Every structure is written in C-alpha cells, then in structure tokens.
C-alpha cells in the first residue's frame, strides 16, 4: 500500500519549482535595479540549476526511502547510505556553485568572498556570510 507523503497534496505533484517559491519582500526592487545579465548565459545557468535541483530532490527522496526500507527490515547498511549521502552532497555543492554564479550575475556583485565563496557588493569591507575581511589590511599597522 502506497501512502501519500504528508507535505504533498497529490501524488502527481513534482518537486517544488524554484520560480514559484515564495520570495522575501524587497527583492523585486533589487532585481530591477541590477543590470540584466546576458539572456543566453542566464537561461543556460537557470536550466542547469533546475536540472540539478530536480536531481537533488530525487536523490534526497531516494536516500530517505532507502533508509526507511532498511530500517523496517532491521538491516541498515551504512556503507550504502554513506555512498548515497556522499553523492547527494556532491550534487548539493554543484547546485550551490551554480546558484552563486546566478546570484553574482543578478546582484552585480563585486566578487566572491575568498573564505566562503558568497557574493559581495561594492564598498563592502567584510563578508556578511562568514565575516572574512574583503579589504586587504596592512601587516605592519
């Protein structure tokens, strides 16, 4: 017997679409102020992000399902779960990299933080994500 997942209203619904996600208030003005990136590059990056997001969602569900099936049979194989989790982590890192490039294009950022890779704007002295100084400091001062 197949039980419906509690967070889904119907079984035909796929993974949440990134373009229909709830966006925080105030982001529309920031997007309008930023210059538009090249459409062909953005479209390709967005398509890559969507493919990775779908792959991540499927792999995450697969990992959870594999653990559930092993647990109900009282035969949990950590080597299998660890291998699946490592592959999921690789896809997650790739997805994060694509999202950072898209954010960099969208925000007209000055660059990426050397500490964590988060995009930062012009005239910013410290990374908002990790606190790494973005302005070179003098060693003798």
C-alpha atoms as a PDB file:
ATOM      1  CA  UNK A   1       0.000   0.000   0.000  1.00  0.00           C
ATOM      2  CA  UNK A   2       1.413   3.355  -1.037  1.00  0.00           C
ATOM      3  CA  UNK A   3       0.861   6.150   1.462  1.00  0.00           C
ATOM      4  CA  UNK A   4       0.800   9.791   0.315  1.00  0.00           C
ATOM      5  CA  UNK A   5       3.543  12.000   1.634  1.00  0.00           C
ATOM      6  CA  UNK A   6       2.190  14.453   4.253  1.00  0.00           C
ATOM      7  CA  UNK A   7       3.714  17.545   2.636  1.00  0.00           C
ATOM      8  CA  UNK A   8       2.224  16.864  -0.785  1.00  0.00           C
ATOM      9  CA  UNK A   9      -1.420  17.385  -1.636  1.00  0.00           C
ATOM     10  CA  UNK A  10      -1.464  14.941  -4.527  1.00  0.00           C
ATOM     11  CA  UNK A  11       0.822  12.199  -5.764  1.00  0.00           C
ATOM     12  CA  UNK A  12       1.211  13.787  -9.228  1.00  0.00           C
ATOM     13  CA  UNK A  13       2.902  16.911  -7.892  1.00  0.00           C
ATOM     14  CA  UNK A  14       6.592  17.067  -8.659  1.00  0.00           C
ATOM     15  CA  UNK A  15       9.354  18.809  -6.758  1.00  0.00           C
ATOM     16  CA  UNK A  16       8.722  22.452  -5.881  1.00  0.00           C
ATOM     17  CA  UNK A  17       9.534  24.737  -8.772  1.00  0.00           C
ATOM     18  CA  UNK A  18      12.099  27.421  -7.945  1.00  0.00           C
ATOM     19  CA  UNK A  19      10.215  30.055  -9.953  1.00  0.00           C
ATOM     20  CA  UNK A  20       7.058  29.553  -7.846  1.00  0.00           C
ATOM     21  CA  UNK A  21       8.827  29.696  -4.486  1.00  0.00           C
ATOM     22  CA  UNK A  22       7.878  32.441  -2.049  1.00  0.00           C
ATOM     23  CA  UNK A  23      10.411  35.230  -2.342  1.00  0.00           C
ATOM     24  CA  UNK A  24      11.299  37.578   0.506  1.00  0.00           C
ATOM     25  CA  UNK A  25       9.886  41.085   0.342  1.00  0.00           C
ATOM     26  CA  UNK A  26      12.071  43.745  -1.198  1.00  0.00           C
ATOM     27  CA  UNK A  27      13.867  41.517  -3.684  1.00  0.00           C
ATOM     28  CA  UNK A  28      11.952  42.794  -6.711  1.00  0.00           C
ATOM     29  CA  UNK A  29      13.393  46.296  -6.379  1.00  0.00           C
ATOM     30  CA  UNK A  30      16.920  44.942  -6.101  1.00  0.00           C
ATOM     31  CA  UNK A  31      16.447  42.800  -9.197  1.00  0.00           C
ATOM     32  CA  UNK A  32      15.019  45.727 -11.171  1.00  0.00           C
ATOM     33  CA  UNK A  33      17.978  47.938 -10.239  1.00  0.00           C
ATOM     34  CA  UNK A  34      20.600  45.387 -11.307  1.00  0.00           C
ATOM     35  CA  UNK A  35      21.560  45.300 -14.971  1.00  0.00           C
ATOM     36  CA  UNK A  36      20.181  42.321 -16.836  1.00  0.00           C
ATOM     37  CA  UNK A  37      22.740  39.563 -17.466  1.00  0.00           C
ATOM     38  CA  UNK A  38      23.202  38.092 -20.912  1.00  0.00           C
ATOM     39  CA  UNK A  39      19.987  36.167 -21.617  1.00  0.00           C
ATOM     40  CA  UNK A  40      21.603  33.109 -23.210  1.00  0.00           C
ATOM     41  CA  UNK A  41      24.053  32.630 -20.320  1.00  0.00           C
ATOM     42  CA  UNK A  42      21.376  33.110 -17.675  1.00  0.00           C
ATOM     43  CA  UNK A  43      18.966  30.780 -19.447  1.00  0.00           C
ATOM     44  CA  UNK A  44      21.630  28.082 -19.607  1.00  0.00           C
ATOM     45  CA  UNK A  45      22.556  28.537 -15.940  1.00  0.00           C
ATOM     46  CA  UNK A  46      18.909  28.516 -14.892  1.00  0.00           C
ATOM     47  CA  UNK A  47      18.307  25.322 -16.866  1.00  0.00           C
ATOM     48  CA  UNK A  48      21.385  23.748 -15.245  1.00  0.00           C
ATOM     49  CA  UNK A  49      20.177  24.850 -11.796  1.00  0.00           C
ATOM     50  CA  UNK A  50      16.730  23.382 -12.467  1.00  0.00           C
ATOM     51  CA  UNK A  51      18.229  20.055 -13.579  1.00  0.00           C
ATOM     52  CA  UNK A  52      20.457  19.929 -10.501  1.00  0.00           C
ATOM     53  CA  UNK A  53      17.569  20.868  -8.212  1.00  0.00           C
ATOM     54  CA  UNK A  54      15.420  18.097  -9.649  1.00  0.00           C
ATOM     55  CA  UNK A  55      18.298  15.605  -9.359  1.00  0.00           C
ATOM     56  CA  UNK A  56      18.938  16.698  -5.765  1.00  0.00           C
ATOM     57  CA  UNK A  57      15.257  16.302  -4.852  1.00  0.00           C
ATOM     58  CA  UNK A  58      15.060  12.814  -6.356  1.00  0.00           C
ATOM     59  CA  UNK A  59      18.329  11.724  -4.721  1.00  0.00           C
ATOM     60  CA  UNK A  60      17.225  13.075  -1.335  1.00  0.00           C
ATOM     61  CA  UNK A  61      13.944  11.163  -1.548  1.00  0.00           C
ATOM     62  CA  UNK A  62      15.845   8.057  -2.662  1.00  0.00           C
ATOM     63  CA  UNK A  63      18.215   8.304   0.316  1.00  0.00           C
ATOM     64  CA  UNK A  64      15.326   8.706   2.741  1.00  0.00           C
ATOM     65  CA  UNK A  65      13.438   5.835   1.125  1.00  0.00           C
ATOM     66  CA  UNK A  66      16.491   3.582   1.200  1.00  0.00           C
ATOM     67  CA  UNK A  67      17.000   4.252   4.901  1.00  0.00           C
ATOM     68  CA  UNK A  68      13.327   3.640   5.643  1.00  0.00           C
ATOM     69  CA  UNK A  69      13.299   0.350   3.773  1.00  0.00           C
ATOM     70  CA  UNK A  70      16.479  -0.791   5.528  1.00  0.00           C
ATOM     71  CA  UNK A  71      15.166   0.294   8.934  1.00  0.00           C
ATOM     72  CA  UNK A  72      11.846  -1.555   8.671  1.00  0.00           C
ATOM     73  CA  UNK A  73      13.736  -4.703   7.718  1.00  0.00           C
ATOM     74  CA  UNK A  74      16.226  -4.137  10.544  1.00  0.00           C
ATOM     75  CA  UNK A  75      19.098  -4.377   8.074  1.00  0.00           C
ATOM     76  CA  UNK A  76      20.691  -0.919   7.832  1.00  0.00           C
ATOM     77  CA  UNK A  77      23.791  -0.859   5.630  1.00  0.00           C
ATOM     78  CA  UNK A  78      25.788   2.228   6.480  1.00  0.00           C
ATOM     79  CA  UNK A  79      28.141   1.771   3.513  1.00  0.00           C
ATOM     80  CA  UNK A  80      25.232   2.085   1.078  1.00  0.00           C
ATOM     81  CA  UNK A  81      23.734   5.071   2.901  1.00  0.00           C
ATOM     82  CA  UNK A  82      27.117   6.802   3.152  1.00  0.00           C
ATOM     83  CA  UNK A  83      27.756   6.354  -0.568  1.00  0.00           C
ATOM     84  CA  UNK A  84      24.315   7.776  -1.425  1.00  0.00           C
ATOM     85  CA  UNK A  85      24.816  10.678   1.010  1.00  0.00           C
ATOM     86  CA  UNK A  86      28.229  11.496  -0.491  1.00  0.00           C
ATOM     87  CA  UNK A  87      26.744  11.637  -3.999  1.00  0.00           C
ATOM     88  CA  UNK A  88      23.900  13.818  -2.702  1.00  0.00           C
ATOM     89  CA  UNK A  89      26.462  16.134  -1.106  1.00  0.00           C
ATOM     90  CA  UNK A  90      28.374  16.390  -4.402  1.00  0.00           C
ATOM     91  CA  UNK A  91      25.200  17.392  -6.271  1.00  0.00           C
ATOM     92  CA  UNK A  92      24.332  19.869  -3.500  1.00  0.00           C
ATOM     93  CA  UNK A  93      27.773  21.517  -3.804  1.00  0.00           C
ATOM     94  CA  UNK A  94      27.398  21.731  -7.589  1.00  0.00           C
ATOM     95  CA  UNK A  95      23.934  23.264  -7.170  1.00  0.00           C
ATOM     96  CA  UNK A  96      25.302  25.810  -4.700  1.00  0.00           C
ATOM     97  CA  UNK A  97      28.056  26.800  -7.128  1.00  0.00           C
ATOM     98  CA  UNK A  98      25.552  27.398  -9.938  1.00  0.00           C
ATOM     99  CA  UNK A  99      23.289  29.389  -7.601  1.00  0.00           C
ATOM    100  CA  UNK A 100      26.234  31.564  -6.547  1.00  0.00           C
ATOM    101  CA  UNK A 101      27.095  32.331 -10.169  1.00  0.00           C
ATOM    102  CA  UNK A 102      23.456  33.252 -10.823  1.00  0.00           C
ATOM    103  CA  UNK A 103      23.421  35.452  -7.715  1.00  0.00           C
ATOM    104  CA  UNK A 104      26.624  37.118  -8.842  1.00  0.00           C
ATOM    105  CA  UNK A 105      25.034  37.939 -12.211  1.00  0.00           C
ATOM    106  CA  UNK A 106      21.772  39.071 -10.630  1.00  0.00           C
ATOM    107  CA  UNK A 107      23.237  41.269  -7.911  1.00  0.00           C
ATOM    108  CA  UNK A 108      26.005  42.860  -9.978  1.00  0.00           C
ATOM    109  CA  UNK A 109      28.313  41.824  -7.158  1.00  0.00           C
ATOM    110  CA  UNK A 110      31.886  42.995  -6.874  1.00  0.00           C
ATOM    111  CA  UNK A 111      33.227  39.475  -6.347  1.00  0.00           C
ATOM    112  CA  UNK A 112      33.168  36.304  -4.274  1.00  0.00           C
ATOM    113  CA  UNK A 113      34.390  36.003  -0.688  1.00  0.00           C
ATOM    114  CA  UNK A 114      37.720  34.136  -0.515  1.00  0.00           C
ATOM    115  CA  UNK A 115      36.579  32.482   2.733  1.00  0.00           C
ATOM    116  CA  UNK A 116      33.170  31.064   1.865  1.00  0.00           C
ATOM    117  CA  UNK A 117      32.527  31.980  -1.780  1.00  0.00           C
ATOM    118  CA  UNK A 118      29.464  34.146  -1.088  1.00  0.00           C
ATOM    119  CA  UNK A 119      28.950  37.092  -3.455  1.00  0.00           C
ATOM    120  CA  UNK A 120      29.504  40.565  -2.022  1.00  0.00           C
ATOM    121  CA  UNK A 121      28.676  44.050  -3.260  1.00  0.00           C
ATOM    122  CA  UNK A 122      30.790  47.100  -3.949  1.00  0.00           C
ATOM    123  CA  UNK A 123      32.243  49.011  -0.951  1.00  0.00           C
ATOM    124  CA  UNK A 124      31.701  46.052   1.397  1.00  0.00           C
ATOM    125  CA  UNK A 125      34.553  45.532   3.862  1.00  0.00           C
ATOM    126  CA  UNK A 126      33.525  42.221   5.468  1.00  0.00           C
ATOM    127  CA  UNK A 127      31.661  39.199   4.172  1.00  0.00           C
ATOM    128  CA  UNK A 128      28.106  39.134   5.521  1.00  0.00           C
ATOM    129  CA  UNK A 129      28.153  35.331   5.439  1.00  0.00           C
ATOM    130  CA  UNK A 130      31.372  34.474   7.323  1.00  0.00           C
ATOM    131  CA  UNK A 131      32.941  37.784   8.399  1.00  0.00           C
ATOM    132  CA  UNK A 132      36.133  37.427   6.348  1.00  0.00           C
ATOM    133  CA  UNK A 133      37.772  40.823   5.673  1.00  0.00           C
ATOM    134  CA  UNK A 134      37.378  41.698   1.985  1.00  0.00           C
ATOM    135  CA  UNK A 135      39.736  44.675   2.025  1.00  0.00           C
ATOM    136  CA  UNK A 136      43.459  43.871   2.286  1.00  0.00           C
ATOM    137  CA  UNK A 137      44.908  45.031   5.591  1.00  0.00           C
ATOM    138  CA  UNK A 138      48.453  46.225   6.173  1.00  0.00           C
ATOM    139  CA  UNK A 139      50.542  43.723   8.148  1.00  0.00           C
ATOM    140  CA  UNK A 140      52.572  46.417   9.941  1.00  0.00           C
ATOM    141  CA  UNK A 141      49.655  48.555  11.152  1.00  0.00           C
END
